[in-house]
Amino acid sequence: MNARALRLLLTALWLVVTPALVHAQEGISRKKQEKIQAQKEKEKKKAKVKKEKDDRKRHLSIQDKETRKRIKRHTKRADRSGSGAHRDRGLFRRKR
């Protein structure tokens, strides 16, 4: 009877302790969560850039040749001047 009671007690103890141990290993650490979140943000940003590039390429492919040339010319001018307001430099512009 004592062996049977001991076996029953050990089984009951094992059933109580096991879920607690499994539950303790279930969670993800904060550091790991932050790393996963940062990786997701990076992938999302990459996908956004790729989509914008594809959209721009598609938009250009729809335009006729003259419009593509004009867009290219204006893009080059914008790249040279920077993000501020552009000034067209005319022939008769006075120097300051």
N, C-alpha and C. Protein backbone atom coordinates (compact mmCIF):
# COMPACT_ATOMS: atom_id res chain seq x y z
N MET A 1 0.81 -1.19 0.00
CA MET A 1 0.00 0.00 0.00
C MET A 1 0.86 1.25 0.00
N ASN A 2 1.97 1.22 0.73
CA ASN A 2 2.84 2.39 0.77
C ASN A 2 3.45 2.68 -0.59
N ALA A 3 3.84 1.66 -1.33
CA ALA A 3 4.43 1.85 -2.65
C ALA A 3 3.39 2.45 -3.60
N ARG A 4 2.16 1.96 -3.45
CA ARG A 4 1.08 2.47 -4.32
C ARG A 4 0.78 3.93 -3.98
N ALA A 5 0.77 4.27 -2.73
CA ALA A 5 0.51 5.65 -2.30
C ALA A 5 1.65 6.57 -2.74
N LEU A 6 2.87 6.07 -2.64
CA LEU A 6 4.02 6.85 -3.08
C LEU A 6 3.97 7.10 -4.59
N ARG A 7 3.63 6.07 -5.33
CA ARG A 7 3.51 6.20 -6.78
C ARG A 7 2.41 7.20 -7.15
N LEU A 8 1.29 7.14 -6.46
CA LEU A 8 0.18 8.06 -6.70
C LEU A 8 0.58 9.50 -6.36
N LEU A 9 1.30 9.68 -5.28
CA LEU A 9 1.76 11.00 -4.86
C LEU A 9 2.75 11.58 -5.88
N LEU A 10 3.70 10.75 -6.34
CA LEU A 10 4.66 11.20 -7.33
C LEU A 10 3.98 11.55 -8.66
N THR A 11 3.00 10.78 -9.05
CA THR A 11 2.26 11.06 -10.28
C THR A 11 1.49 12.37 -10.16
N ALA A 12 0.86 12.58 -9.04
CA ALA A 12 0.11 13.83 -8.82
C ALA A 12 1.07 15.02 -8.82
N LEU A 13 2.20 14.88 -8.15
CA LEU A 13 3.21 15.95 -8.13
C LEU A 13 3.73 16.23 -9.53
N TRP A 14 3.98 15.21 -10.30
CA TRP A 14 4.46 15.36 -11.68
C TRP A 14 3.44 16.09 -12.54
N LEU A 15 2.16 15.77 -12.37
CA LEU A 15 1.10 16.43 -13.14
C LEU A 15 0.96 17.91 -12.76
N VAL A 16 1.23 18.26 -11.54
CA VAL A 16 1.13 19.65 -11.09
C VAL A 16 2.34 20.47 -11.56
N VAL A 17 3.53 19.92 -11.48
CA VAL A 17 4.76 20.65 -11.77
C VAL A 17 4.99 20.80 -13.28
N THR A 18 4.66 19.83 -14.08
CA THR A 18 4.94 19.84 -15.52
C THR A 18 4.31 21.03 -16.24
N PRO A 19 3.03 21.35 -16.05
CA PRO A 19 2.46 22.51 -16.76
C PRO A 19 3.16 23.82 -16.38
N ALA A 20 3.61 23.95 -15.14
CA ALA A 20 4.30 25.17 -14.72
C ALA A 20 5.63 25.31 -15.45
N LEU A 21 6.35 24.21 -15.60
CA LEU A 21 7.62 24.25 -16.32
C LEU A 21 7.42 24.57 -17.80
N VAL A 22 6.42 23.97 -18.39
CA VAL A 22 6.14 24.22 -19.80
C VAL A 22 5.72 25.66 -20.00
N HIS A 23 4.91 26.18 -19.10
CA HIS A 23 4.43 27.56 -19.20
C HIS A 23 5.59 28.55 -19.07
N ALA A 24 6.57 28.24 -18.25
CA ALA A 24 7.71 29.14 -18.05
C ALA A 24 8.54 29.25 -19.32
N GLN A 25 8.60 28.20 -20.12
CA GLN A 25 9.39 28.22 -21.35
C GLN A 25 8.59 28.73 -22.55
N GLU A 26 7.32 28.95 -22.37
CA GLU A 26 6.44 29.33 -23.46
C GLU A 26 6.68 30.74 -23.97
N GLY A 27 6.93 31.69 -23.10
CA GLY A 27 7.04 33.10 -23.47
C GLY A 27 8.33 33.41 -24.21
N ILE A 28 8.32 34.57 -24.90
CA ILE A 28 9.50 35.05 -25.61
C ILE A 28 10.03 36.24 -24.82
N SER A 29 11.33 36.31 -24.72
CA SER A 29 11.92 37.42 -23.97
C SER A 29 11.69 38.74 -24.68
N ARG A 30 11.74 39.81 -23.94
CA ARG A 30 11.51 41.15 -24.49
C ARG A 30 12.54 41.49 -25.56
N LYS A 31 13.79 41.11 -25.32
CA LYS A 31 14.87 41.38 -26.26
C LYS A 31 14.59 40.69 -27.60
N LYS A 32 14.13 39.45 -27.51
CA LYS A 32 13.83 38.69 -28.72
C LYS A 32 12.63 39.29 -29.45
N GLN A 33 11.64 39.73 -28.70
CA GLN A 33 10.46 40.37 -29.31
C GLN A 33 10.86 41.65 -30.03
N GLU A 34 11.72 42.46 -29.41
CA GLU A 34 12.17 43.70 -30.03
C GLU A 34 12.96 43.41 -31.30
N LYS A 35 13.77 42.37 -31.27
CA LYS A 35 14.55 41.99 -32.44
C LYS A 35 13.63 41.56 -33.59
N ILE A 36 12.63 40.77 -33.27
CA ILE A 36 11.66 40.33 -34.28
C ILE A 36 10.90 41.52 -34.85
N GLN A 37 10.49 42.43 -33.97
CA GLN A 37 9.75 43.62 -34.40
C GLN A 37 10.62 44.50 -35.31
N ALA A 38 11.88 44.67 -34.95
CA ALA A 38 12.79 45.47 -35.77
C ALA A 38 12.98 44.84 -37.14
N GLN A 39 13.07 43.52 -37.18
CA GLN A 39 13.24 42.82 -38.44
C GLN A 39 12.00 42.98 -39.32
N LYS A 40 10.81 42.91 -38.70
CA LYS A 40 9.57 43.09 -39.45
C LYS A 40 9.49 44.50 -40.03
N GLU A 41 9.87 45.50 -39.23
CA GLU A 41 9.85 46.88 -39.70
C GLU A 41 10.81 47.07 -40.87
N LYS A 42 11.98 46.46 -40.78
CA LYS A 42 12.97 46.55 -41.84
C LYS A 42 12.43 45.94 -43.14
N GLU A 43 11.81 44.76 -43.02
CA GLU A 43 11.24 44.10 -44.19
C GLU A 43 10.10 44.92 -44.79
N LYS A 44 9.28 45.51 -43.91
CA LYS A 44 8.16 46.33 -44.37
C LYS A 44 8.67 47.56 -45.14
N LYS A 45 9.73 48.17 -44.61
CA LYS A 45 10.32 49.35 -45.26
C LYS A 45 10.90 48.98 -46.62
N LYS A 46 11.57 47.82 -46.68
CA LYS A 46 12.15 47.34 -47.93
C LYS A 46 11.05 47.09 -48.97
N ALA A 47 9.97 46.47 -48.54
CA ALA A 47 8.86 46.17 -49.44
C ALA A 47 8.23 47.46 -49.96
N LYS A 48 8.13 48.46 -49.09
CA LYS A 48 7.54 49.74 -49.50
C LYS A 48 8.40 50.41 -50.56
N VAL A 49 9.72 50.41 -50.36
CA VAL A 49 10.63 51.01 -51.35
C VAL A 49 10.54 50.28 -52.67
N LYS A 50 10.47 48.95 -52.62
CA LYS A 50 10.39 48.15 -53.85
C LYS A 50 9.07 48.43 -54.58
N LYS A 51 7.99 48.55 -53.84
CA LYS A 51 6.69 48.83 -54.45
C LYS A 51 6.68 50.20 -55.11
N GLU A 52 7.24 51.21 -54.43
CA GLU A 52 7.31 52.54 -55.01
C GLU A 52 8.12 52.54 -56.30
N LYS A 53 9.23 51.81 -56.29
CA LYS A 53 10.08 51.73 -57.48
C LYS A 53 9.33 51.07 -58.63
N ASP A 54 8.64 49.97 -58.33
CA ASP A 54 7.86 49.28 -59.36
C ASP A 54 6.73 50.15 -59.88
N ASP A 55 6.07 50.88 -58.98
CA ASP A 55 4.99 51.77 -59.40
C ASP A 55 5.50 52.88 -60.31
N ARG A 56 6.65 53.45 -59.96
CA ARG A 56 7.24 54.51 -60.78
C ARG A 56 7.61 53.98 -62.16
N LYS A 57 8.18 52.78 -62.18
CA LYS A 57 8.58 52.16 -63.45
C LYS A 57 7.35 51.90 -64.32
N ARG A 58 6.30 51.41 -63.71
CA ARG A 58 5.06 51.14 -64.45
C ARG A 58 4.46 52.43 -64.99
N HIS A 59 4.47 53.48 -64.16
CA HIS A 59 3.94 54.77 -64.59
C HIS A 59 4.70 55.29 -65.81
N LEU A 60 6.04 55.16 -65.78
CA LEU A 60 6.84 55.62 -66.92
C LEU A 60 6.56 54.80 -68.17
N SER A 61 6.33 53.51 -68.00
CA SER A 61 6.10 52.65 -69.17
C SER A 61 4.78 52.99 -69.86
N ILE A 62 3.84 53.55 -69.12
CA ILE A 62 2.55 53.91 -69.71
C ILE A 62 2.66 55.19 -70.55
N GLN A 63 3.59 56.09 -70.17
CA GLN A 63 3.71 57.38 -70.86
C GLN A 63 4.29 57.23 -72.26
N ASP A 64 4.02 58.24 -73.10
CA ASP A 64 4.62 58.21 -74.44
C ASP A 64 6.06 58.72 -74.34
N LYS A 65 6.79 58.62 -75.47
CA LYS A 65 8.21 58.91 -75.47
C LYS A 65 8.50 60.36 -75.09
N GLU A 66 7.74 61.29 -75.62
CA GLU A 66 7.96 62.72 -75.34
C GLU A 66 7.78 63.02 -73.84
N THR A 67 6.77 62.44 -73.25
CA THR A 67 6.52 62.66 -71.83
C THR A 67 7.63 62.05 -70.98
N ARG A 68 8.12 60.87 -71.36
CA ARG A 68 9.22 60.25 -70.63
C ARG A 68 10.46 61.12 -70.67
N LYS A 69 10.74 61.71 -71.84
CA LYS A 69 11.90 62.60 -71.96
C LYS A 69 11.74 63.82 -71.06
N ARG A 70 10.54 64.40 -71.04
CA ARG A 70 10.29 65.58 -70.23
C ARG A 70 10.44 65.25 -68.74
N ILE A 71 9.91 64.11 -68.33
CA ILE A 71 10.04 63.69 -66.93
C ILE A 71 11.51 63.49 -66.57
N LYS A 72 12.25 62.86 -67.45
CA LYS A 72 13.67 62.61 -67.21
C LYS A 72 14.43 63.93 -67.08
N ARG A 73 14.12 64.90 -67.96
CA ARG A 73 14.79 66.20 -67.93
C ARG A 73 14.49 66.94 -66.61
N HIS A 74 13.25 66.94 -66.20
CA HIS A 74 12.87 67.63 -64.97
C HIS A 74 13.43 66.92 -63.73
N THR A 75 13.51 65.60 -63.78
CA THR A 75 14.08 64.84 -62.66
C THR A 75 15.56 65.17 -62.48
N LYS A 76 16.29 65.24 -63.60
CA LYS A 76 17.70 65.60 -63.53
C LYS A 76 17.88 66.99 -62.94
N ARG A 77 17.05 67.93 -63.38
CA ARG A 77 17.15 69.30 -62.87
C ARG A 77 16.86 69.33 -61.37
N ALA A 78 15.86 68.57 -60.94
CA ALA A 78 15.51 68.53 -59.52
C ALA A 78 16.64 67.91 -58.70
N ASP A 79 17.28 66.89 -59.25
CA ASP A 79 18.39 66.24 -58.54
C ASP A 79 19.57 67.19 -58.39
N ARG A 80 19.84 67.99 -59.40
CA ARG A 80 20.95 68.94 -59.34
C ARG A 80 20.67 70.05 -58.33
N SER A 81 19.43 70.55 -58.31
CA SER A 81 19.10 71.71 -57.49
C SER A 81 18.84 71.34 -56.04
N GLY A 82 18.48 70.15 -55.77
CA GLY A 82 18.17 69.74 -54.40
C GLY A 82 16.67 69.80 -54.16
N SER A 83 16.29 69.69 -52.89
CA SER A 83 14.87 69.58 -52.58
C SER A 83 14.18 70.93 -52.42
N GLY A 84 14.94 72.04 -52.43
CA GLY A 84 14.34 73.36 -52.28
C GLY A 84 13.65 73.80 -53.56
N ALA A 85 13.13 75.03 -53.55
CA ALA A 85 12.46 75.57 -54.74
C ALA A 85 13.48 75.78 -55.84
N HIS A 86 13.15 75.39 -57.05
CA HIS A 86 14.08 75.56 -58.17
C HIS A 86 13.89 76.93 -58.82
N ARG A 87 14.96 77.43 -59.39
CA ARG A 87 14.90 78.69 -60.13
C ARG A 87 15.42 78.41 -61.53
N ASP A 88 14.62 78.73 -62.50
CA ASP A 88 15.08 78.58 -63.87
C ASP A 88 16.08 79.69 -64.15
N ARG A 89 17.19 79.34 -64.70
CA ARG A 89 18.22 80.32 -65.00
C ARG A 89 18.06 80.76 -66.45
N GLY A 90 17.61 81.95 -66.61
CA GLY A 90 17.42 82.49 -67.94
C GLY A 90 18.69 83.16 -68.46
N LEU A 91 18.65 83.56 -69.71
CA LEU A 91 19.79 84.20 -70.34
C LEU A 91 19.99 85.61 -69.78
N PHE A 92 18.92 86.32 -69.49
CA PHE A 92 19.03 87.71 -69.07
C PHE A 92 18.83 87.88 -67.56
N ARG A 93 19.30 86.95 -66.82
CA ARG A 93 19.14 87.02 -65.36
C ARG A 93 20.29 87.85 -64.77
N ARG A 94 19.95 88.78 -63.90
CA ARG A 94 20.93 89.66 -63.29
C ARG A 94 21.63 88.94 -62.15
N LYS A 95 22.93 89.11 -62.04
CA LYS A 95 23.68 88.51 -60.94
C LYS A 95 23.56 89.39 -59.72
N ARG A 96 23.53 88.83 -58.57
CA ARG A 96 23.37 89.59 -57.33
C ARG A 96 24.63 89.59 -56.53
